[in-house]
Amino acid sequence: MSLQKNFPIHPKHPERICWGCDKYCPANALACGNGAERTQHPAELFGDDWLEWELKSDRIINQSNKEKSE
């Protein structure tokens, strides 16, 4: 059984954490070895409705694949 961390959909302060791996390091203490800069949360990049974009695109892709197979 693998333990997987839940990915927060709407974190209170996404700018305080690096979202690039499962360690969720503080932005000023990156431990993953990346060393460049922190990875932003999708809400910072795409807005608070970022998950709806992903779900909508998944539905469109699934519908398109279904039409191609018919």
C-alpha atoms as a PDB file:
ATOM      1  CA  MET A   1       0.000   0.000   0.000  1.00  0.00           C
ATOM      2  CA  SER A   2       1.505   3.310  -1.039  1.00  0.00           C
ATOM      3  CA  LEU A   3       0.927   6.427   0.980  1.00  0.00           C
ATOM      4  CA  GLN A   4       0.231   9.370  -1.237  1.00  0.00           C
ATOM      5  CA  LYS A   5      -0.147  12.934  -0.021  1.00  0.00           C
ATOM      6  CA  ASN A   6      -3.346  14.683  -0.994  1.00  0.00           C
ATOM      7  CA  PHE A   7      -2.739  17.609  -3.299  1.00  0.00           C
ATOM      8  CA  PRO A   8      -4.450  20.731  -1.901  1.00  0.00           C
ATOM      9  CA  ILE A   9      -6.817  22.261  -4.436  1.00  0.00           C
ATOM     10  CA  HIS A  10      -7.073  25.704  -2.806  1.00  0.00           C
ATOM     11  CA  PRO A  11      -4.180  26.235  -0.361  1.00  0.00           C
ATOM     12  CA  LYS A  12      -4.341  29.375   1.787  1.00  0.00           C
ATOM     13  CA  HIS A  13      -0.811  30.585   0.965  1.00  0.00           C
ATOM     14  CA  PRO A  14       0.488  28.718  -2.108  1.00  0.00           C
ATOM     15  CA  GLU A  15       3.351  31.177  -2.491  1.00  0.00           C
ATOM     16  CA  ARG A  16       4.989  29.836   0.688  1.00  0.00           C
ATOM     17  CA  ILE A  17       5.538  26.305  -0.661  1.00  0.00           C
ATOM     18  CA  CYS A  18       7.329  24.672  -3.587  1.00  0.00           C
ATOM     19  CA  TRP A  19       4.865  22.367  -5.364  1.00  0.00           C
ATOM     20  CA  GLY A  20       7.433  20.602  -7.561  1.00  0.00           C
ATOM     21  CA  CYS A  21       7.547  17.292  -5.665  1.00  0.00           C
ATOM     22  CA  ASP A  22       5.945  15.464  -2.755  1.00  0.00           C
ATOM     23  CA  LYS A  23       8.157  17.151  -0.170  1.00  0.00           C
ATOM     24  CA  TYR A  24       6.266  20.494  -0.267  1.00  0.00           C
ATOM     25  CA  CYS A  25       9.332  22.407   0.925  1.00  0.00           C
ATOM     26  CA  PRO A  26       9.167  25.974   2.183  1.00  0.00           C
ATOM     27  CA  ALA A  27       9.917  28.384  -0.655  1.00  0.00           C
ATOM     28  CA  ASN A  28      13.095  29.577   1.068  1.00  0.00           C
ATOM     29  CA  ALA A  29      14.485  26.077   1.820  1.00  0.00           C
ATOM     30  CA  LEU A  30      14.235  23.813  -1.233  1.00  0.00           C
ATOM     31  CA  ALA A  31      15.365  20.287  -0.324  1.00  0.00           C
ATOM     32  CA  CYS A  32      14.704  18.394  -3.561  1.00  0.00           C
ATOM     33  CA  GLY A  33      17.938  19.463  -5.214  1.00  0.00           C
ATOM     34  CA  ASN A  34      16.253  21.581  -7.868  1.00  0.00           C
ATOM     35  CA  GLY A  35      18.026  24.668  -6.575  1.00  0.00           C
ATOM     36  CA  ALA A  36      16.595  27.039  -9.152  1.00  0.00           C
ATOM     37  CA  GLU A  37      13.299  28.344  -7.830  1.00  0.00           C
ATOM     38  CA  ARG A  38      10.065  26.997  -6.474  1.00  0.00           C
ATOM     39  CA  THR A  39       7.377  25.431  -8.638  1.00  0.00           C
ATOM     40  CA  GLN A  40       4.138  27.375  -8.465  1.00  0.00           C
ATOM     41  CA  HIS A  41       0.796  25.852  -7.528  1.00  0.00           C
ATOM     42  CA  PRO A  42      -1.634  25.575 -10.485  1.00  0.00           C
ATOM     43  CA  ALA A  43      -3.939  28.109  -8.776  1.00  0.00           C
ATOM     44  CA  GLU A  44      -1.126  30.683  -8.999  1.00  0.00           C
ATOM     45  CA  LEU A  45      -0.647  30.007 -12.688  1.00  0.00           C
ATOM     46  CA  PHE A  46      -4.207  29.454 -13.921  1.00  0.00           C
ATOM     47  CA  GLY A  47      -6.467  30.962 -11.244  1.00  0.00           C
ATOM     48  CA  ASP A  48      -8.743  29.458  -8.619  1.00  0.00           C
ATOM     49  CA  ASP A  49     -10.761  27.522 -11.217  1.00  0.00           C
ATOM     50  CA  TRP A  50      -7.695  25.611 -12.454  1.00  0.00           C
ATOM     51  CA  LEU A  51      -9.175  22.220 -11.643  1.00  0.00           C
ATOM     52  CA  GLU A  52     -12.288  22.913 -13.716  1.00  0.00           C
ATOM     53  CA  TRP A  53     -10.051  23.576 -16.737  1.00  0.00           C
ATOM     54  CA  GLU A  54      -8.400  20.207 -16.279  1.00  0.00           C
ATOM     55  CA  LEU A  55     -11.673  18.340 -15.829  1.00  0.00           C
ATOM     56  CA  LYS A  56     -13.183  20.058 -18.866  1.00  0.00           C
ATOM     57  CA  SER A  57     -10.175  19.225 -21.047  1.00  0.00           C
ATOM     58  CA  ASP A  58     -10.314  15.577 -19.888  1.00  0.00           C
ATOM     59  CA  ARG A  59     -13.987  15.363 -20.921  1.00  0.00           C
ATOM     60  CA  ILE A  60     -13.211  16.874 -24.338  1.00  0.00           C
ATOM     61  CA  ILE A  61     -10.305  14.478 -24.921  1.00  0.00           C
ATOM     62  CA  ASN A  62     -12.363  11.459 -23.845  1.00  0.00           C
ATOM     63  CA  GLN A  63     -15.240  12.494 -26.109  1.00  0.00           C
ATOM     64  CA  SER A  64     -12.877  13.021 -29.048  1.00  0.00           C
ATOM     65  CA  ASN A  65     -11.257   9.606 -28.519  1.00  0.00           C
ATOM     66  CA  LYS A  66     -14.659   7.957 -28.317  1.00  0.00           C
ATOM     67  CA  GLU A  67     -15.745   9.576 -31.613  1.00  0.00           C
ATOM     68  CA  LYS A  68     -12.540   8.448 -33.347  1.00  0.00           C
ATOM     69  CA  SER A  69     -13.041   4.840 -32.252  1.00  0.00           C
ATOM     70  CA  GLU A  70     -16.592   4.678 -33.619  1.00  0.00           C
END
